[in-house]
Amino acid sequence: MSRRQKQTAGKRPKLHVRRDDFVTIIAGKEKGKSGKVLRVFPDEQRVLVEKVNFIKRHTRPGRLSRQGGIVEREGKIHISNVRKSG
């Protein structure tokens, strides 16, 4: 565990966005896009924004989902790259 992790261990960082807020992406490959915050990960300082930063997940067939394949879903974005907009 690094020194910084020891200092912040057990503390939840204060974030400027919450779930259901409308945000605009201000940096990165998705710059200029906007959407609603679906989920917030305070420990990682990341957010999940609706219809932004799609990633492709290669899944294998399993017990629950019989069909494998490539699934597209939203990926996390760092909190510093989003701005509250409305």
PDB file of N, CA and C in Angstrom:
ATOM      1  N   MET A   1       0.851  -1.176   0.000  1.00  0.00           N
ATOM      2  CA  MET A   1       0.000   0.000   0.000  1.00  0.00           C
ATOM      3  C   MET A   1       0.893   1.233   0.000  1.00  0.00           C
ATOM      4  N   SER A   2       0.641   2.167  -0.918  1.00  0.00           N
ATOM      5  CA  SER A   2       1.463   3.361  -1.001  1.00  0.00           C
ATOM      6  C   SER A   2       1.071   4.378   0.070  1.00  0.00           C
ATOM      7  N   ARG A   3       1.876   5.394   0.212  1.00  0.00           N
ATOM      8  CA  ARG A   3       1.624   6.421   1.217  1.00  0.00           C
ATOM      9  C   ARG A   3       0.289   7.123   0.975  1.00  0.00           C
ATOM     10  N   ARG A   4       0.009   7.421  -0.287  1.00  0.00           N
ATOM     11  CA  ARG A   4      -1.242   8.110  -0.621  1.00  0.00           C
ATOM     12  C   ARG A   4      -2.453   7.235  -0.291  1.00  0.00           C
ATOM     13  N   GLN A   5      -2.354   5.948  -0.561  1.00  0.00           N
ATOM     14  CA  GLN A   5      -3.458   5.041  -0.259  1.00  0.00           C
ATOM     15  C   GLN A   5      -3.689   4.943   1.239  1.00  0.00           C
ATOM     16  N   LYS A   6      -2.605   4.993   2.036  1.00  0.00           N
ATOM     17  CA  LYS A   6      -2.756   4.947   3.482  1.00  0.00           C
ATOM     18  C   LYS A   6      -3.451   6.196   4.002  1.00  0.00           C
ATOM     19  N   GLN A   7      -3.138   7.352   3.408  1.00  0.00           N
ATOM     20  CA  GLN A   7      -3.731   8.606   3.850  1.00  0.00           C
ATOM     21  C   GLN A   7      -5.223   8.649   3.555  1.00  0.00           C
ATOM     22  N   THR A   8      -5.616   8.092   2.418  1.00  0.00           N
ATOM     23  CA  THR A   8      -7.018   8.179   2.006  1.00  0.00           C
ATOM     24  C   THR A   8      -7.807   6.920   2.330  1.00  0.00           C
ATOM     25  N   ALA A   9      -7.186   5.955   3.011  1.00  0.00           N
ATOM     26  CA  ALA A   9      -7.873   4.702   3.328  1.00  0.00           C
ATOM     27  C   ALA A   9      -9.069   4.975   4.239  1.00  0.00           C
ATOM     28  N   GLY A  10     -10.225   4.471   3.858  1.00  0.00           N
ATOM     29  CA  GLY A  10     -11.425   4.625   4.666  1.00  0.00           C
ATOM     30  C   GLY A  10     -12.185   5.912   4.405  1.00  0.00           C
ATOM     31  N   LYS A  11     -11.620   6.819   3.613  1.00  0.00           N
ATOM     32  CA  LYS A  11     -12.290   8.088   3.311  1.00  0.00           C
ATOM     33  C   LYS A  11     -12.931   8.004   1.939  1.00  0.00           C
ATOM     34  N   ARG A  12     -14.155   8.471   1.842  1.00  0.00           N
ATOM     35  CA  ARG A  12     -14.830   8.533   0.555  1.00  0.00           C
ATOM     36  C   ARG A  12     -14.589   9.899  -0.065  1.00  0.00           C
ATOM     37  N   PRO A  13     -14.077   9.970  -1.292  1.00  0.00           N
ATOM     38  CA  PRO A  13     -13.841  11.272  -1.912  1.00  0.00           C
ATOM     39  C   PRO A  13     -15.155  11.968  -2.251  1.00  0.00           C
ATOM     40  N   LYS A  14     -15.183  13.284  -2.147  1.00  0.00           N
ATOM     41  CA  LYS A  14     -16.361  14.086  -2.478  1.00  0.00           C
ATOM     42  C   LYS A  14     -16.360  14.305  -3.987  1.00  0.00           C
ATOM     43  N   LEU A  15     -17.433  13.923  -4.644  1.00  0.00           N
ATOM     44  CA  LEU A  15     -17.514  14.036  -6.091  1.00  0.00           C
ATOM     45  C   LEU A  15     -18.513  15.113  -6.490  1.00  0.00           C
ATOM     46  N   HIS A  16     -18.288  15.723  -7.652  1.00  0.00           N
ATOM     47  CA  HIS A  16     -19.160  16.808  -8.096  1.00  0.00           C
ATOM     48  C   HIS A  16     -20.355  16.324  -8.919  1.00  0.00           C
ATOM     49  N   VAL A  17     -20.438  15.033  -9.197  1.00  0.00           N
ATOM     50  CA  VAL A  17     -21.585  14.496  -9.924  1.00  0.00           C
ATOM     51  C   VAL A  17     -22.212  13.348  -9.150  1.00  0.00           C
ATOM     52  N   ARG A  18     -23.505  13.157  -9.368  1.00  0.00           N
ATOM     53  CA  ARG A  18     -24.235  12.075  -8.731  1.00  0.00           C
ATOM     54  C   ARG A  18     -24.997  11.310  -9.803  1.00  0.00           C
ATOM     55  N   ARG A  19     -25.598  10.197  -9.405  1.00  0.00           N
ATOM     56  CA  ARG A  19     -26.382   9.415 -10.350  1.00  0.00           C
ATOM     57  C   ARG A  19     -27.553  10.257 -10.854  1.00  0.00           C
ATOM     58  N   ASP A  20     -27.915  10.083 -12.103  1.00  0.00           N
ATOM     59  CA  ASP A  20     -28.999  10.785 -12.798  1.00  0.00           C
ATOM     60  C   ASP A  20     -28.672  12.235 -13.146  1.00  0.00           C
ATOM     61  N   ASP A  21     -27.442  12.714 -12.870  1.00  0.00           N
ATOM     62  CA  ASP A  21     -27.028  14.041 -13.321  1.00  0.00           C
ATOM     63  C   ASP A  21     -26.761  13.984 -14.817  1.00  0.00           C
ATOM     64  N   PHE A  22     -26.932  15.119 -15.484  1.00  0.00           N
ATOM     65  CA  PHE A  22     -26.625  15.220 -16.906  1.00  0.00           C
ATOM     66  C   PHE A  22     -25.233  15.815 -17.031  1.00  0.00           C
ATOM     67  N   VAL A  23     -24.317  15.125 -17.729  1.00  0.00           N
ATOM     68  CA  VAL A  23     -22.925  15.567 -17.827  1.00  0.00           C
ATOM     69  C   VAL A  23     -22.471  15.649 -19.277  1.00  0.00           C
ATOM     70  N   THR A  24     -21.402  16.445 -19.497  1.00  0.00           N
ATOM     71  CA  THR A  24     -20.746  16.563 -20.789  1.00  0.00           C
ATOM     72  C   THR A  24     -19.315  16.087 -20.631  1.00  0.00           C
ATOM     73  N   ILE A  25     -18.818  15.357 -21.619  1.00  0.00           N
ATOM     74  CA  ILE A  25     -17.444  14.863 -21.595  1.00  0.00           C
ATOM     75  C   ILE A  25     -16.544  15.991 -22.089  1.00  0.00           C
ATOM     76  N   ILE A  26     -15.520  16.336 -21.309  1.00  0.00           N
ATOM     77  CA  ILE A  26     -14.675  17.481 -21.658  1.00  0.00           C
ATOM     78  C   ILE A  26     -13.284  17.076 -22.122  1.00  0.00           C
ATOM     79  N   ALA A  27     -12.941  15.785 -22.050  1.00  0.00           N
ATOM     80  CA  ALA A  27     -11.614  15.333 -22.490  1.00  0.00           C
ATOM     81  C   ALA A  27     -11.684  13.888 -22.945  1.00  0.00           C
ATOM     82  N   GLY A  28     -10.748  13.509 -23.795  1.00  0.00           N
ATOM     83  CA  GLY A  28     -10.667  12.127 -24.254  1.00  0.00           C
ATOM     84  C   GLY A  28     -11.327  11.921 -25.602  1.00  0.00           C
ATOM     85  N   LYS A  29     -11.426  10.660 -26.009  1.00  0.00           N
ATOM     86  CA  LYS A  29     -11.953  10.343 -27.340  1.00  0.00           C
ATOM     87  C   LYS A  29     -13.436  10.640 -27.485  1.00  0.00           C
ATOM     88  N   GLU A  30     -14.149  10.754 -26.385  1.00  0.00           N
ATOM     89  CA  GLU A  30     -15.596  11.022 -26.404  1.00  0.00           C
ATOM     90  C   GLU A  30     -15.905  12.497 -26.151  1.00  0.00           C
ATOM     91  N   LYS A  31     -14.916  13.370 -26.284  1.00  0.00           N
ATOM     92  CA  LYS A  31     -15.054  14.796 -25.983  1.00  0.00           C
ATOM     93  C   LYS A  31     -16.221  15.418 -26.750  1.00  0.00           C
ATOM     94  N   GLY A  32     -17.059  16.173 -26.028  1.00  0.00           N
ATOM     95  CA  GLY A  32     -18.198  16.855 -26.639  1.00  0.00           C
ATOM     96  C   GLY A  32     -19.503  16.107 -26.509  1.00  0.00           C
ATOM     97  N   LYS A  33     -19.453  14.820 -26.215  1.00  0.00           N
ATOM     98  CA  LYS A  33     -20.681  14.042 -26.052  1.00  0.00           C
ATOM     99  C   LYS A  33     -21.273  14.289 -24.677  1.00  0.00           C
ATOM    100  N   SER A  34     -22.558  14.018 -24.537  1.00  0.00           N
ATOM    101  CA  SER A  34     -23.201  14.219 -23.240  1.00  0.00           C
ATOM    102  C   SER A  34     -24.173  13.079 -22.973  1.00  0.00           C
ATOM    103  N   GLY A  35     -24.516  12.914 -21.712  1.00  0.00           N
ATOM    104  CA  GLY A  35     -25.432  11.862 -21.330  1.00  0.00           C
ATOM    105  C   GLY A  35     -25.704  11.884 -19.843  1.00  0.00           C
ATOM    106  N   LYS A  36     -26.532  10.939 -19.412  1.00  0.00           N
ATOM    107  CA  LYS A  36     -26.930  10.845 -18.020  1.00  0.00           C
ATOM    108  C   LYS A  36     -26.006   9.878 -17.287  1.00  0.00           C
ATOM    109  N   VAL A  37     -25.655  10.213 -16.046  1.00  0.00           N
ATOM    110  CA  VAL A  37     -24.806   9.346 -15.230  1.00  0.00           C
ATOM    111  C   VAL A  37     -25.638   8.161 -14.756  1.00  0.00           C
ATOM    112  N   LEU A  38     -25.205   6.958 -15.118  1.00  0.00           N
ATOM    113  CA  LEU A  38     -25.914   5.745 -14.728  1.00  0.00           C
ATOM    114  C   LEU A  38     -25.443   5.240 -13.373  1.00  0.00           C
ATOM    115  N   ARG A  39     -24.140   5.359 -13.114  1.00  0.00           N
ATOM    116  CA  ARG A  39     -23.575   4.809 -11.893  1.00  0.00           C
ATOM    117  C   ARG A  39     -22.302   5.566 -11.537  1.00  0.00           C
ATOM    118  N   VAL A  40     -22.021   5.699 -10.249  1.00  0.00           N
ATOM    119  CA  VAL A  40     -20.823   6.392  -9.775  1.00  0.00           C
ATOM    120  C   VAL A  40     -19.982   5.417  -8.958  1.00  0.00           C
ATOM    121  N   PHE A  41     -18.670   5.424  -9.198  1.00  0.00           N
ATOM    122  CA  PHE A  41     -17.723   4.591  -8.464  1.00  0.00           C
ATOM    123  C   PHE A  41     -16.781   5.517  -7.697  1.00  0.00           C
ATOM    124  N   PRO A  42     -17.156   5.929  -6.472  1.00  0.00           N
ATOM    125  CA  PRO A  42     -16.361   6.921  -5.745  1.00  0.00           C
ATOM    126  C   PRO A  42     -14.954   6.462  -5.387  1.00  0.00           C
ATOM    127  N   ASP A  43     -14.775   5.196  -5.092  1.00  0.00           N
ATOM    128  CA  ASP A  43     -13.442   4.705  -4.724  1.00  0.00           C
ATOM    129  C   ASP A  43     -12.479   4.754  -5.902  1.00  0.00           C
ATOM    130  N   GLU A  44     -12.999   4.539  -7.105  1.00  0.00           N
ATOM    131  CA  GLU A  44     -12.175   4.578  -8.312  1.00  0.00           C
ATOM    132  C   GLU A  44     -12.166   5.968  -8.946  1.00  0.00           C
ATOM    133  N   GLN A  45     -13.022   6.862  -8.474  1.00  0.00           N
ATOM    134  CA  GLN A  45     -13.231   8.201  -9.032  1.00  0.00           C
ATOM    135  C   GLN A  45     -13.606   8.106 -10.515  1.00  0.00           C
ATOM    136  N   ARG A  46     -14.554   7.237 -10.804  1.00  0.00           N
ATOM    137  CA  ARG A  46     -15.022   7.052 -12.174  1.00  0.00           C
ATOM    138  C   ARG A  46     -16.542   7.031 -12.218  1.00  0.00           C
ATOM    139  N   VAL A  47     -17.095   7.330 -13.396  1.00  0.00           N
ATOM    140  CA  VAL A  47     -18.541   7.316 -13.597  1.00  0.00           C
ATOM    141  C   VAL A  47     -18.883   6.539 -14.854  1.00  0.00           C
ATOM    142  N   LEU A  48     -20.103   6.057 -14.914  1.00  0.00           N
ATOM    143  CA  LEU A  48     -20.635   5.364 -16.076  1.00  0.00           C
ATOM    144  C   LEU A  48     -21.675   6.282 -16.689  1.00  0.00           C
ATOM    145  N   VAL A  49     -21.465   6.710 -17.935  1.00  0.00           N
ATOM    146  CA  VAL A  49     -22.359   7.649 -18.595  1.00  0.00           C
ATOM    147  C   VAL A  49     -23.118   6.939 -19.705  1.00  0.00           C
ATOM    148  N   GLU A  50     -24.396   7.219 -19.782  1.00  0.00           N
ATOM    149  CA  GLU A  50     -25.279   6.572 -20.747  1.00  0.00           C
ATOM    150  C   GLU A  50     -24.877   6.899 -22.183  1.00  0.00           C
ATOM    151  N   LYS A  51     -24.731   5.866 -23.019  1.00  0.00           N
ATOM    152  CA  LYS A  51     -24.433   5.967 -24.456  1.00  0.00           C
ATOM    153  C   LYS A  51     -23.115   6.674 -24.768  1.00  0.00           C
ATOM    154  N   VAL A  52     -22.133   6.549 -23.857  1.00  0.00           N
ATOM    155  CA  VAL A  52     -20.815   7.146 -24.069  1.00  0.00           C
ATOM    156  C   VAL A  52     -19.750   6.127 -23.701  1.00  0.00           C
ATOM    157  N   ASN A  53     -18.639   6.126 -24.441  1.00  0.00           N
ATOM    158  CA  ASN A  53     -17.475   5.277 -24.167  1.00  0.00           C
ATOM    159  C   ASN A  53     -17.825   3.788 -24.229  1.00  0.00           C
ATOM    160  N   PHE A  54     -18.334   3.359 -25.364  1.00  0.00           N
ATOM    161  CA  PHE A  54     -18.682   1.951 -25.533  1.00  0.00           C
ATOM    162  C   PHE A  54     -17.434   1.096 -25.632  1.00  0.00           C
ATOM    163  N   ILE A  55     -17.472  -0.066 -24.952  1.00  0.00           N
ATOM    164  CA  ILE A  55     -16.404  -1.048 -25.041  1.00  0.00           C
ATOM    165  C   ILE A  55     -17.019  -2.352 -25.537  1.00  0.00           C
ATOM    166  N   LYS A  56     -16.189  -3.174 -26.156  1.00  0.00           N
ATOM    167  CA  LYS A  56     -16.660  -4.471 -26.641  1.00  0.00           C
ATOM    168  C   LYS A  56     -16.144  -5.542 -25.715  1.00  0.00           C
ATOM    169  N   ARG A  57     -17.059  -6.308 -25.157  1.00  0.00           N
ATOM    170  CA  ARG A  57     -16.720  -7.378 -24.211  1.00  0.00           C
ATOM    171  C   ARG A  57     -16.949  -8.706 -24.910  1.00  0.00           C
ATOM    172  N   HIS A  58     -15.896  -9.507 -25.012  1.00  0.00           N
ATOM    173  CA  HIS A  58     -16.003 -10.822 -25.638  1.00  0.00           C
ATOM    174  C   HIS A  58     -16.405 -11.830 -24.564  1.00  0.00           C
ATOM    175  N   THR A  59     -17.582 -12.403 -24.714  1.00  0.00           N
ATOM    176  CA  THR A  59     -18.103 -13.321 -23.686  1.00  0.00           C
ATOM    177  C   THR A  59     -18.173 -14.741 -24.219  1.00  0.00           C
ATOM    178  N   ARG A  60     -18.007 -15.678 -23.314  1.00  0.00           N
ATOM    179  CA  ARG A  60     -18.117 -17.094 -23.662  1.00  0.00           C
ATOM    180  C   ARG A  60     -19.504 -17.584 -23.274  1.00  0.00           C
ATOM    181  N   PRO A  61     -19.991 -18.602 -23.938  1.00  0.00           N
ATOM    182  CA  PRO A  61     -21.272 -19.171 -23.535  1.00  0.00           C
ATOM    183  C   PRO A  61     -21.145 -19.753 -22.122  1.00  0.00           C
ATOM    184  N   GLY A  62     -22.147 -19.547 -21.313  1.00  0.00           N
ATOM    185  CA  GLY A  62     -22.099 -20.042 -19.946  1.00  0.00           C
ATOM    186  C   GLY A  62     -23.433 -20.639 -19.544  1.00  0.00           C
ATOM    187  N   ARG A  63     -23.593 -20.892 -18.264  1.00  0.00           N
ATOM    188  CA  ARG A  63     -24.841 -21.486 -17.774  1.00  0.00           C
ATOM    189  C   ARG A  63     -26.007 -20.511 -17.883  1.00  0.00           C
ATOM    190  N   LEU A  64     -25.756 -19.258 -17.530  1.00  0.00           N
ATOM    191  CA  LEU A  64     -26.838 -18.268 -17.560  1.00  0.00           C
ATOM    192  C   LEU A  64     -27.151 -17.823 -18.990  1.00  0.00           C
ATOM    193  N   SER A  65     -26.114 -17.425 -19.726  1.00  0.00           N
ATOM    194  CA  SER A  65     -26.321 -16.995 -21.108  1.00  0.00           C
ATOM    195  C   SER A  65     -25.754 -18.068 -22.038  1.00  0.00           C
ATOM    196  N   ARG A  66     -26.632 -18.739 -22.728  1.00  0.00           N
ATOM    197  CA  ARG A  66     -26.224 -19.831 -23.607  1.00  0.00           C
ATOM    198  C   ARG A  66     -25.450 -19.333 -24.821  1.00  0.00           C
ATOM    199  N   GLN A  67     -25.681 -18.069 -25.200  1.00  0.00           N
ATOM    200  CA  GLN A  67     -25.052 -17.549 -26.400  1.00  0.00           C
ATOM    201  C   GLN A  67     -23.846 -16.683 -26.041  1.00  0.00           C
ATOM    202  N   GLY A  68     -22.702 -16.972 -26.608  1.00  0.00           N
ATOM    203  CA  GLY A  68     -21.520 -16.143 -26.430  1.00  0.00           C
ATOM    204  C   GLY A  68     -21.470 -15.113 -27.544  1.00  0.00           C
ATOM    205  N   GLY A  69     -20.418 -14.324 -27.573  1.00  0.00           N
ATOM    206  CA  GLY A  69     -20.268 -13.351 -28.638  1.00  0.00           C
ATOM    207  C   GLY A  69     -19.686 -12.050 -28.120  1.00  0.00           C
ATOM    208  N   ILE A  70     -19.825 -11.017 -28.942  1.00  0.00           N
ATOM    209  CA  ILE A  70     -19.285  -9.710 -28.605  1.00  0.00           C
ATOM    210  C   ILE A  70     -20.430  -8.827 -28.128  1.00  0.00           C
ATOM    211  N   VAL A  71     -20.304  -8.333 -26.896  1.00  0.00           N
ATOM    212  CA  VAL A  71     -21.340  -7.498 -26.296  1.00  0.00           C
ATOM    213  C   VAL A  71     -20.795  -6.086 -26.146  1.00  0.00           C
ATOM    214  N   GLU A  72     -21.539  -5.086 -26.621  1.00  0.00           N
ATOM    215  CA  GLU A  72     -21.136  -3.697 -26.450  1.00  0.00           C
ATOM    216  C   GLU A  72     -21.834  -3.124 -25.231  1.00  0.00           C
ATOM    217  N   ARG A  73     -21.064  -2.431 -24.387  1.00  0.00           N
ATOM    218  CA  ARG A  73     -21.649  -1.778 -23.224  1.00  0.00           C
ATOM    219  C   ARG A  73     -20.814  -0.557 -22.874  1.00  0.00           C
ATOM    220  N   GLU A  74     -21.361   0.299 -21.989  1.00  0.00           N
ATOM    221  CA  GLU A  74     -20.664   1.518 -21.617  1.00  0.00           C
ATOM    222  C   GLU A  74     -19.471   1.205 -20.727  1.00  0.00           C
ATOM    223  N   GLY A  75     -18.402   1.965 -20.900  1.00  0.00           N
ATOM    224  CA  GLY A  75     -17.227   1.836 -20.052  1.00  0.00           C
ATOM    225  C   GLY A  75     -17.135   3.011 -19.097  1.00  0.00           C
ATOM    226  N   LYS A  76     -16.324   2.857 -18.054  1.00  0.00           N
ATOM    227  CA  LYS A  76     -16.170   3.909 -17.051  1.00  0.00           C
ATOM    228  C   LYS A  76     -15.319   5.050 -17.591  1.00  0.00           C
ATOM    229  N   ILE A  77     -15.608   6.270 -17.113  1.00  0.00           N
ATOM    230  CA  ILE A  77     -14.854   7.466 -17.476  1.00  0.00           C
ATOM    231  C   ILE A  77     -14.385   8.126 -16.190  1.00  0.00           C
ATOM    232  N   HIS A  78     -13.164   8.640 -16.186  1.00  0.00           N
ATOM    233  CA  HIS A  78     -12.651   9.299 -14.991  1.00  0.00           C
ATOM    234  C   HIS A  78     -13.449  10.569 -14.704  1.00  0.00           C
ATOM    235  N   ILE A  79     -13.649  10.825 -13.436  1.00  0.00           N
ATOM    236  CA  ILE A  79     -14.497  11.930 -12.981  1.00  0.00           C
ATOM    237  C   ILE A  79     -13.965  13.290 -13.439  1.00  0.00           C
ATOM    238  N   SER A  80     -12.645  13.388 -13.652  1.00  0.00           N
ATOM    239  CA  SER A  80     -12.059  14.666 -14.076  1.00  0.00           C
ATOM    240  C   SER A  80     -12.373  14.987 -15.525  1.00  0.00           C
ATOM    241  N   ASN A  81     -12.864  14.022 -16.272  1.00  0.00           N
ATOM    242  CA  ASN A  81     -13.151  14.227 -17.687  1.00  0.00           C
ATOM    243  C   ASN A  81     -14.613  14.546 -17.962  1.00  0.00           C
ATOM    244  N   VAL A  82     -15.409  14.726 -16.910  1.00  0.00           N
ATOM    245  CA  VAL A  82     -16.823  15.073 -17.092  1.00  0.00           C
ATOM    246  C   VAL A  82     -17.138  16.372 -16.365  1.00  0.00           C
ATOM    247  N   ARG A  83     -18.117  17.111 -16.925  1.00  0.00           N
ATOM    248  CA  ARG A  83     -18.564  18.355 -16.320  1.00  0.00           C
ATOM    249  C   ARG A  83     -20.094  18.309 -16.235  1.00  0.00           C
ATOM    250  N   LYS A  84     -20.624  18.712 -15.120  1.00  0.00           N
ATOM    251  CA  LYS A  84     -22.065  18.759 -14.923  1.00  0.00           C
ATOM    252  C   LYS A  84     -22.654  19.801 -15.862  1.00  0.00           C
ATOM    253  N   SER A  85     -23.729  19.445 -16.566  1.00  0.00           N
ATOM    254  CA  SER A  85     -24.291  20.373 -17.554  1.00  0.00           C
ATOM    255  C   SER A  85     -25.819  20.360 -17.503  1.00  0.00           C
ATOM    256  N   GLY A  86     -26.361  20.826 -16.455  1.00  0.00           N
ATOM    257  CA  GLY A  86     -27.802  20.962 -16.444  1.00  0.00           C
ATOM    258  C   GLY A  86     -28.398  20.239 -15.350  1.00  0.00           C
TER     259      GLY A  86
END
